[in-house]
Amino acid sequence: MITAVDTSQRVLVMTFRATVGNTQLGEEMLNYFVAKKKFFDIGYIFEFFYDAYVSLWRGGLETEIRNLKYKYPDYELW
């Protein structure tokens, strides 16, 4: 996961790496048929990605985003 600031467009950017390896790809494909979880009020997300997001959020992403929003309160988050 990488966070960045684009001052020209006044945005905060949150990015995630792509799938790595066949094992992870297999897990993602199997998850497609198994479960989806509600993701806030905007829809549903595959459980694999939901769990990964929550793990990152609790592992420091929340602090990083909150710090960036405090420093750049008028910037949009992408």
PDB file of N, CA and C in Angstrom:
ATOM      1  N   MET A   1       0.845  -1.163   0.000  1.00  0.00           N
ATOM      2  CA  MET A   1       0.000   0.000   0.000  1.00  0.00           C
ATOM      3  C   MET A   1       0.894   1.231   0.000  1.00  0.00           C
ATOM      4  N   ILE A   2       0.521   2.197  -0.791  1.00  0.00           N
ATOM      5  CA  ILE A   2       1.267   3.453  -0.886  1.00  0.00           C
ATOM      6  C   ILE A   2       0.278   4.605  -0.801  1.00  0.00           C
ATOM      7  N   THR A   3       0.625   5.629  -0.022  1.00  0.00           N
ATOM      8  CA  THR A   3      -0.152   6.857  -0.022  1.00  0.00           C
ATOM      9  C   THR A   3       0.713   7.962  -0.617  1.00  0.00           C
ATOM     10  N   ALA A   4       0.059   8.903  -1.280  1.00  0.00           N
ATOM     11  CA  ALA A   4       0.784   9.999  -1.911  1.00  0.00           C
ATOM     12  C   ALA A   4      -0.084  11.249  -1.903  1.00  0.00           C
ATOM     13  N   VAL A   5       0.567  12.381  -2.103  1.00  0.00           N
ATOM     14  CA  VAL A   5      -0.121  13.668  -2.173  1.00  0.00           C
ATOM     15  C   VAL A   5       0.183  14.285  -3.531  1.00  0.00           C
ATOM     16  N   ASP A   6      -0.866  14.713  -4.223  1.00  0.00           N
ATOM     17  CA  ASP A   6      -0.711  15.413  -5.500  1.00  0.00           C
ATOM     18  C   ASP A   6      -1.203  16.840  -5.284  1.00  0.00           C
ATOM     19  N   THR A   7      -0.258  17.752  -5.119  1.00  0.00           N
ATOM     20  CA  THR A   7      -0.626  19.142  -4.842  1.00  0.00           C
ATOM     21  C   THR A   7      -1.180  19.859  -6.071  1.00  0.00           C
ATOM     22  N   SER A   8      -0.854  19.390  -7.274  1.00  0.00           N
ATOM     23  CA  SER A   8      -1.371  20.045  -8.475  1.00  0.00           C
ATOM     24  C   SER A   8      -2.876  19.781  -8.656  1.00  0.00           C
ATOM     25  N   GLN A   9      -3.324  18.570  -8.267  1.00  0.00           N
ATOM     26  CA  GLN A   9      -4.746  18.255  -8.382  1.00  0.00           C
ATOM     27  C   GLN A   9      -5.463  18.324  -7.039  1.00  0.00           C
ATOM     28  N   ARG A  10      -4.698  18.593  -5.996  1.00  0.00           N
ATOM     29  CA  ARG A  10      -5.228  18.697  -4.637  1.00  0.00           C
ATOM     30  C   ARG A  10      -5.956  17.416  -4.220  1.00  0.00           C
ATOM     31  N   VAL A  11      -5.225  16.304  -4.346  1.00  0.00           N
ATOM     32  CA  VAL A  11      -5.786  15.007  -3.970  1.00  0.00           C
ATOM     33  C   VAL A  11      -4.791  14.211  -3.136  1.00  0.00           C
ATOM     34  N   LEU A  12      -5.347  13.362  -2.293  1.00  0.00           N
ATOM     35  CA  LEU A  12      -4.582  12.358  -1.573  1.00  0.00           C
ATOM     36  C   LEU A  12      -4.863  11.043  -2.285  1.00  0.00           C
ATOM     37  N   VAL A  13      -3.824  10.277  -2.556  1.00  0.00           N
ATOM     38  CA  VAL A  13      -3.976   9.051  -3.323  1.00  0.00           C
ATOM     39  C   VAL A  13      -3.594   7.862  -2.451  1.00  0.00           C
ATOM     40  N   MET A  14      -4.461   6.854  -2.439  1.00  0.00           N
ATOM     41  CA  MET A  14      -4.223   5.628  -1.695  1.00  0.00           C
ATOM     42  C   MET A  14      -4.202   4.501  -2.727  1.00  0.00           C
ATOM     43  N   THR A  15      -3.087   3.782  -2.838  1.00  0.00           N
ATOM     44  CA  THR A  15      -2.965   2.730  -3.845  1.00  0.00           C
ATOM     45  C   THR A  15      -2.599   1.397  -3.186  1.00  0.00           C
ATOM     46  N   PHE A  16      -2.932   0.332  -3.885  1.00  0.00           N
ATOM     47  CA  PHE A  16      -2.631  -1.013  -3.411  1.00  0.00           C
ATOM     48  C   PHE A  16      -1.950  -1.786  -4.527  1.00  0.00           C
ATOM     49  N   ARG A  17      -1.070  -2.676  -4.150  1.00  0.00           N
ATOM     50  CA  ARG A  17      -0.366  -3.467  -5.155  1.00  0.00           C
ATOM     51  C   ARG A  17      -1.306  -4.503  -5.756  1.00  0.00           C
ATOM     52  N   ALA A  18      -0.913  -5.030  -6.885  1.00  0.00           N
ATOM     53  CA  ALA A  18      -1.719  -6.034  -7.575  1.00  0.00           C
ATOM     54  C   ALA A  18      -1.468  -7.425  -6.996  1.00  0.00           C
ATOM     55  N   THR A  19      -2.163  -8.390  -7.546  1.00  0.00           N
ATOM     56  CA  THR A  19      -2.016  -9.788  -7.154  1.00  0.00           C
ATOM     57  C   THR A  19      -0.581 -10.253  -7.401  1.00  0.00           C
ATOM     58  N   VAL A  20      -0.058 -11.017  -6.453  1.00  0.00           N
ATOM     59  CA  VAL A  20       1.289 -11.565  -6.586  1.00  0.00           C
ATOM     60  C   VAL A  20       1.215 -13.090  -6.511  1.00  0.00           C
ATOM     61  N   GLY A  21       1.527 -13.750  -7.599  1.00  0.00           N
ATOM     62  CA  GLY A  21       1.626 -15.206  -7.602  1.00  0.00           C
ATOM     63  C   GLY A  21       0.316 -15.938  -7.822  1.00  0.00           C
ATOM     64  N   ASN A  22       0.473 -17.188  -8.217  1.00  0.00           N
ATOM     65  CA  ASN A  22      -0.687 -18.020  -8.526  1.00  0.00           C
ATOM     66  C   ASN A  22      -1.481 -18.401  -7.282  1.00  0.00           C
ATOM     67  N   THR A  23      -0.813 -18.542  -6.146  1.00  0.00           N
ATOM     68  CA  THR A  23      -1.520 -18.900  -4.919  1.00  0.00           C
ATOM     69  C   THR A  23      -2.518 -17.822  -4.555  1.00  0.00           C
ATOM     70  N   GLN A  24      -2.063 -16.572  -4.558  1.00  0.00           N
ATOM     71  CA  GLN A  24      -2.974 -15.482  -4.237  1.00  0.00           C
ATOM     72  C   GLN A  24      -4.074 -15.371  -5.280  1.00  0.00           C
ATOM     73  N   LEU A  25      -3.746 -15.532  -6.529  1.00  0.00           N
ATOM     74  CA  LEU A  25      -4.751 -15.468  -7.589  1.00  0.00           C
ATOM     75  C   LEU A  25      -5.810 -16.550  -7.381  1.00  0.00           C
ATOM     76  N   GLY A  26      -5.375 -17.746  -7.010  1.00  0.00           N
ATOM     77  CA  GLY A  26      -6.318 -18.831  -6.737  1.00  0.00           C
ATOM     78  C   GLY A  26      -7.245 -18.502  -5.589  1.00  0.00           C
ATOM     79  N   GLU A  27      -6.696 -17.925  -4.523  1.00  0.00           N
ATOM     80  CA  GLU A  27      -7.515 -17.522  -3.378  1.00  0.00           C
ATOM     81  C   GLU A  27      -8.556 -16.483  -3.792  1.00  0.00           C
ATOM     82  N   GLU A  28      -8.138 -15.534  -4.599  1.00  0.00           N
ATOM     83  CA  GLU A  28      -9.056 -14.491  -5.055  1.00  0.00           C
ATOM     84  C   GLU A  28     -10.172 -15.086  -5.913  1.00  0.00           C
ATOM     85  N   MET A  29      -9.814 -16.017  -6.797  1.00  0.00           N
ATOM     86  CA  MET A  29     -10.806 -16.622  -7.672  1.00  0.00           C
ATOM     87  C   MET A  29     -11.808 -17.465  -6.879  1.00  0.00           C
ATOM     88  N   LEU A  30     -11.330 -18.240  -5.924  1.00  0.00           N
ATOM     89  CA  LEU A  30     -12.224 -19.037  -5.086  1.00  0.00           C
ATOM     90  C   LEU A  30     -13.147 -18.138  -4.274  1.00  0.00           C
ATOM     91  N   ASN A  31     -12.616 -17.041  -3.800  1.00  0.00           N
ATOM     92  CA  ASN A  31     -13.398 -16.109  -3.008  1.00  0.00           C
ATOM     93  C   ASN A  31     -14.544 -15.505  -3.802  1.00  0.00           C
ATOM     94  N   TYR A  32     -14.375 -15.412  -5.106  1.00  0.00           N
ATOM     95  CA  TYR A  32     -15.415 -14.871  -5.982  1.00  0.00           C
ATOM     96  C   TYR A  32     -16.720 -15.648  -5.820  1.00  0.00           C
ATOM     97  N   PHE A  33     -16.604 -16.952  -5.606  1.00  0.00           N
ATOM     98  CA  PHE A  33     -17.779 -17.807  -5.508  1.00  0.00           C
ATOM     99  C   PHE A  33     -18.278 -17.994  -4.080  1.00  0.00           C
ATOM    100  N   VAL A  34     -17.535 -17.510  -3.115  1.00  0.00           N
ATOM    101  CA  VAL A  34     -17.846 -17.813  -1.717  1.00  0.00           C
ATOM    102  C   VAL A  34     -18.566 -16.679  -1.004  1.00  0.00           C
ATOM    103  N   ALA A  35     -17.956 -15.528  -0.921  1.00  0.00           N
ATOM    104  CA  ALA A  35     -18.523 -14.521  -0.024  1.00  0.00           C
ATOM    105  C   ALA A  35     -18.227 -13.101  -0.472  1.00  0.00           C
ATOM    106  N   LYS A  36     -19.203 -12.258  -0.167  1.00  0.00           N
ATOM    107  CA  LYS A  36     -19.036 -10.821  -0.313  1.00  0.00           C
ATOM    108  C   LYS A  36     -19.431 -10.194   1.014  1.00  0.00           C
ATOM    109  N   LYS A  37     -18.813  -9.070   1.325  1.00  0.00           N
ATOM    110  CA  LYS A  37     -19.142  -8.356   2.553  1.00  0.00           C
ATOM    111  C   LYS A  37     -19.579  -6.948   2.201  1.00  0.00           C
ATOM    112  N   LYS A  38     -20.486  -6.410   3.002  1.00  0.00           N
ATOM    113  CA  LYS A  38     -20.934  -5.036   2.828  1.00  0.00           C
ATOM    114  C   LYS A  38     -19.754  -4.114   3.102  1.00  0.00           C
ATOM    115  N   PHE A  39     -19.546  -3.156   2.221  1.00  0.00           N
ATOM    116  CA  PHE A  39     -18.443  -2.213   2.361  1.00  0.00           C
ATOM    117  C   PHE A  39     -19.016  -0.821   2.541  1.00  0.00           C
ATOM    118  N   PHE A  40     -19.075  -0.407   3.799  1.00  0.00           N
ATOM    119  CA  PHE A  40     -19.689   0.860   4.168  1.00  0.00           C
ATOM    120  C   PHE A  40     -21.090   0.938   3.561  1.00  0.00           C
ATOM    121  N   ASP A  41     -21.451   2.066   3.009  1.00  0.00           N
ATOM    122  CA  ASP A  41     -22.776   2.215   2.401  1.00  0.00           C
ATOM    123  C   ASP A  41     -22.698   2.284   0.883  1.00  0.00           C
ATOM    124  N   ILE A  42     -21.588   1.797   0.317  1.00  0.00           N
ATOM    125  CA  ILE A  42     -21.405   1.961  -1.123  1.00  0.00           C
ATOM    126  C   ILE A  42     -21.526   0.668  -1.913  1.00  0.00           C
ATOM    127  N   GLY A  43     -21.691  -0.453  -1.244  1.00  0.00           N
ATOM    128  CA  GLY A  43     -21.842  -1.699  -1.976  1.00  0.00           C
ATOM    129  C   GLY A  43     -21.195  -2.866  -1.266  1.00  0.00           C
ATOM    130  N   TYR A  44     -20.799  -3.848  -2.069  1.00  0.00           N
ATOM    131  CA  TYR A  44     -20.202  -5.060  -1.529  1.00  0.00           C
ATOM    132  C   TYR A  44     -18.813  -5.275  -2.119  1.00  0.00           C
ATOM    133  N   ILE A  45     -17.994  -6.010  -1.385  1.00  0.00           N
ATOM    134  CA  ILE A  45     -16.628  -6.274  -1.786  1.00  0.00           C
ATOM    135  C   ILE A  45     -16.339  -7.741  -1.481  1.00  0.00           C
ATOM    136  N   PHE A  46     -15.493  -8.360  -2.288  1.00  0.00           N
ATOM    137  CA  PHE A  46     -15.130  -9.744  -2.024  1.00  0.00           C
ATOM    138  C   PHE A  46     -14.438  -9.845  -0.671  1.00  0.00           C
ATOM    139  N   GLU A  47     -14.746 -10.901   0.058  1.00  0.00           N
ATOM    140  CA  GLU A  47     -14.222 -11.078   1.403  1.00  0.00           C
ATOM    141  C   GLU A  47     -12.694 -11.026   1.439  1.00  0.00           C
ATOM    142  N   PHE A  48     -12.024 -11.586   0.436  1.00  0.00           N
ATOM    143  CA  PHE A  48     -10.557 -11.574   0.372  1.00  0.00           C
ATOM    144  C   PHE A  48     -10.032 -10.148   0.435  1.00  0.00           C
ATOM    145  N   PHE A  49     -10.608  -9.258  -0.375  1.00  0.00           N
ATOM    146  CA  PHE A  49     -10.155  -7.870  -0.417  1.00  0.00           C
ATOM    147  C   PHE A  49     -10.605  -7.091   0.819  1.00  0.00           C
ATOM    148  N   TYR A  50     -11.773  -7.410   1.316  1.00  0.00           N
ATOM    149  CA  TYR A  50     -12.248  -6.776   2.550  1.00  0.00           C
ATOM    150  C   TYR A  50     -11.290  -7.074   3.703  1.00  0.00           C
ATOM    151  N   ASP A  51     -10.946  -8.345   3.873  1.00  0.00           N
ATOM    152  CA  ASP A  51     -10.037  -8.736   4.953  1.00  0.00           C
ATOM    153  C   ASP A  51      -8.668  -8.080   4.801  1.00  0.00           C
ATOM    154  N   ALA A  52      -8.183  -8.004   3.558  1.00  0.00           N
ATOM    155  CA  ALA A  52      -6.891  -7.354   3.311  1.00  0.00           C
ATOM    156  C   ALA A  52      -6.965  -5.865   3.658  1.00  0.00           C
ATOM    157  N   TYR A  53      -8.052  -5.214   3.254  1.00  0.00           N
ATOM    158  CA  TYR A  53      -8.225  -3.793   3.551  1.00  0.00           C
ATOM    159  C   TYR A  53      -8.262  -3.543   5.057  1.00  0.00           C
ATOM    160  N   VAL A  54      -9.056  -4.333   5.776  1.00  0.00           N
ATOM    161  CA  VAL A  54      -9.171  -4.158   7.228  1.00  0.00           C
ATOM    162  C   VAL A  54      -7.813  -4.373   7.900  1.00  0.00           C
ATOM    163  N   SER A  55      -7.083  -5.359   7.440  1.00  0.00           N
ATOM    164  CA  SER A  55      -5.754  -5.617   8.001  1.00  0.00           C
ATOM    165  C   SER A  55      -4.823  -4.421   7.790  1.00  0.00           C
ATOM    166  N   LEU A  56      -4.844  -3.867   6.591  1.00  0.00           N
ATOM    167  CA  LEU A  56      -4.016  -2.682   6.311  1.00  0.00           C
ATOM    168  C   LEU A  56      -4.485  -1.472   7.117  1.00  0.00           C
ATOM    169  N   TRP A  57      -5.814  -1.282   7.189  1.00  0.00           N
ATOM    170  CA  TRP A  57      -6.383  -0.144   7.917  1.00  0.00           C
ATOM    171  C   TRP A  57      -5.936  -0.160   9.368  1.00  0.00           C
ATOM    172  N   ARG A  58      -6.065  -1.324   9.986  1.00  0.00           N
ATOM    173  CA  ARG A  58      -5.686  -1.451  11.397  1.00  0.00           C
ATOM    174  C   ARG A  58      -4.178  -1.471  11.586  1.00  0.00           C
ATOM    175  N   GLY A  59      -3.446  -1.784  10.540  1.00  0.00           N
ATOM    176  CA  GLY A  59      -1.995  -1.871  10.617  1.00  0.00           C
ATOM    177  C   GLY A  59      -1.259  -0.564  10.367  1.00  0.00           C
ATOM    178  N   GLY A  60      -1.988   0.541  10.247  1.00  0.00           N
ATOM    179  CA  GLY A  60      -1.335   1.831  10.083  1.00  0.00           C
ATOM    180  C   GLY A  60      -1.939   2.734   9.021  1.00  0.00           C
ATOM    181  N   LEU A  61      -2.732   2.160   8.135  1.00  0.00           N
ATOM    182  CA  LEU A  61      -3.333   2.978   7.080  1.00  0.00           C
ATOM    183  C   LEU A  61      -4.261   4.041   7.655  1.00  0.00           C
ATOM    184  N   GLU A  62      -5.027   3.688   8.666  1.00  0.00           N
ATOM    185  CA  GLU A  62      -5.942   4.661   9.275  1.00  0.00           C
ATOM    186  C   GLU A  62      -5.177   5.882   9.780  1.00  0.00           C
ATOM    187  N   THR A  63      -4.097   5.646  10.493  1.00  0.00           N
ATOM    188  CA  THR A  63      -3.286   6.743  11.020  1.00  0.00           C
ATOM    189  C   THR A  63      -2.716   7.591   9.891  1.00  0.00           C
ATOM    190  N   GLU A  64      -2.217   6.933   8.849  1.00  0.00           N
ATOM    191  CA  GLU A  64      -1.636   7.645   7.707  1.00  0.00           C
ATOM    192  C   GLU A  64      -2.669   8.544   7.025  1.00  0.00           C
ATOM    193  N   ILE A  65      -3.856   8.013   6.764  1.00  0.00           N
ATOM    194  CA  ILE A  65      -4.901   8.787   6.093  1.00  0.00           C
ATOM    195  C   ILE A  65      -5.382   9.932   6.978  1.00  0.00           C
ATOM    196  N   ARG A  66      -5.562   9.662   8.251  1.00  0.00           N
ATOM    197  CA  ARG A  66      -6.003  10.730   9.169  1.00  0.00           C
ATOM    198  C   ARG A  66      -4.964  11.848   9.240  1.00  0.00           C
ATOM    199  N   ASN A  67      -3.693  11.500   9.276  1.00  0.00           N
ATOM    200  CA  ASN A  67      -2.632  12.511   9.297  1.00  0.00           C
ATOM    201  C   ASN A  67      -2.632  13.341   8.010  1.00  0.00           C
ATOM    202  N   LEU A  68      -2.803  12.670   6.884  1.00  0.00           N
ATOM    203  CA  LEU A  68      -2.842  13.397   5.611  1.00  0.00           C
ATOM    204  C   LEU A  68      -4.069  14.305   5.521  1.00  0.00           C
ATOM    205  N   LYS A  69      -5.232  13.810   5.978  1.00  0.00           N
ATOM    206  CA  LYS A  69      -6.439  14.641   5.942  1.00  0.00           C
ATOM    207  C   LYS A  69      -6.316  15.837   6.885  1.00  0.00           C
ATOM    208  N   TYR A  70      -5.608  15.664   7.992  1.00  0.00           N
ATOM    209  CA  TYR A  70      -5.382  16.773   8.917  1.00  0.00           C
ATOM    210  C   TYR A  70      -4.474  17.827   8.265  1.00  0.00           C
ATOM    211  N   LYS A  71      -3.446  17.358   7.577  1.00  0.00           N
ATOM    212  CA  LYS A  71      -2.493  18.262   6.936  1.00  0.00           C
ATOM    213  C   LYS A  71      -3.084  18.918   5.684  1.00  0.00           C
ATOM    214  N   TYR A  72      -3.939  18.186   4.966  1.00  0.00           N
ATOM    215  CA  TYR A  72      -4.548  18.669   3.717  1.00  0.00           C
ATOM    216  C   TYR A  72      -6.070  18.507   3.800  1.00  0.00           C
ATOM    217  N   PRO A  73      -6.737  19.274   4.641  1.00  0.00           N
ATOM    218  CA  PRO A  73      -8.168  19.056   4.891  1.00  0.00           C
ATOM    219  C   PRO A  73      -9.070  19.274   3.676  1.00  0.00           C
ATOM    220  N   ASP A  74      -8.644  20.068   2.722  1.00  0.00           N
ATOM    221  CA  ASP A  74      -9.487  20.366   1.564  1.00  0.00           C
ATOM    222  C   ASP A  74      -9.222  19.425   0.382  1.00  0.00           C
ATOM    223  N   TYR A  75      -8.285  18.507   0.539  1.00  0.00           N
ATOM    224  CA  TYR A  75      -7.944  17.598  -0.565  1.00  0.00           C
ATOM    225  C   TYR A  75      -8.931  16.431  -0.599  1.00  0.00           C
ATOM    226  N   GLU A  76      -9.231  15.986  -1.799  1.00  0.00           N
ATOM    227  CA  GLU A  76     -10.101  14.825  -2.012  1.00  0.00           C
ATOM    228  C   GLU A  76      -9.254  13.554  -1.888  1.00  0.00           C
ATOM    229  N   LEU A  77      -9.861  12.502  -1.370  1.00  0.00           N
ATOM    230  CA  LEU A  77      -9.158  11.220  -1.247  1.00  0.00           C
ATOM    231  C   LEU A  77      -9.552  10.321  -2.400  1.00  0.00           C
ATOM    232  N   TRP A  78      -8.542   9.862  -3.135  1.00  0.00           N
ATOM    233  CA  TRP A  78      -8.760   8.921  -4.237  1.00  0.00           C
ATOM    234  C   TRP A  78      -8.245   7.576  -3.820  1.00  0.00           C
TER     235      TRP A  78
END
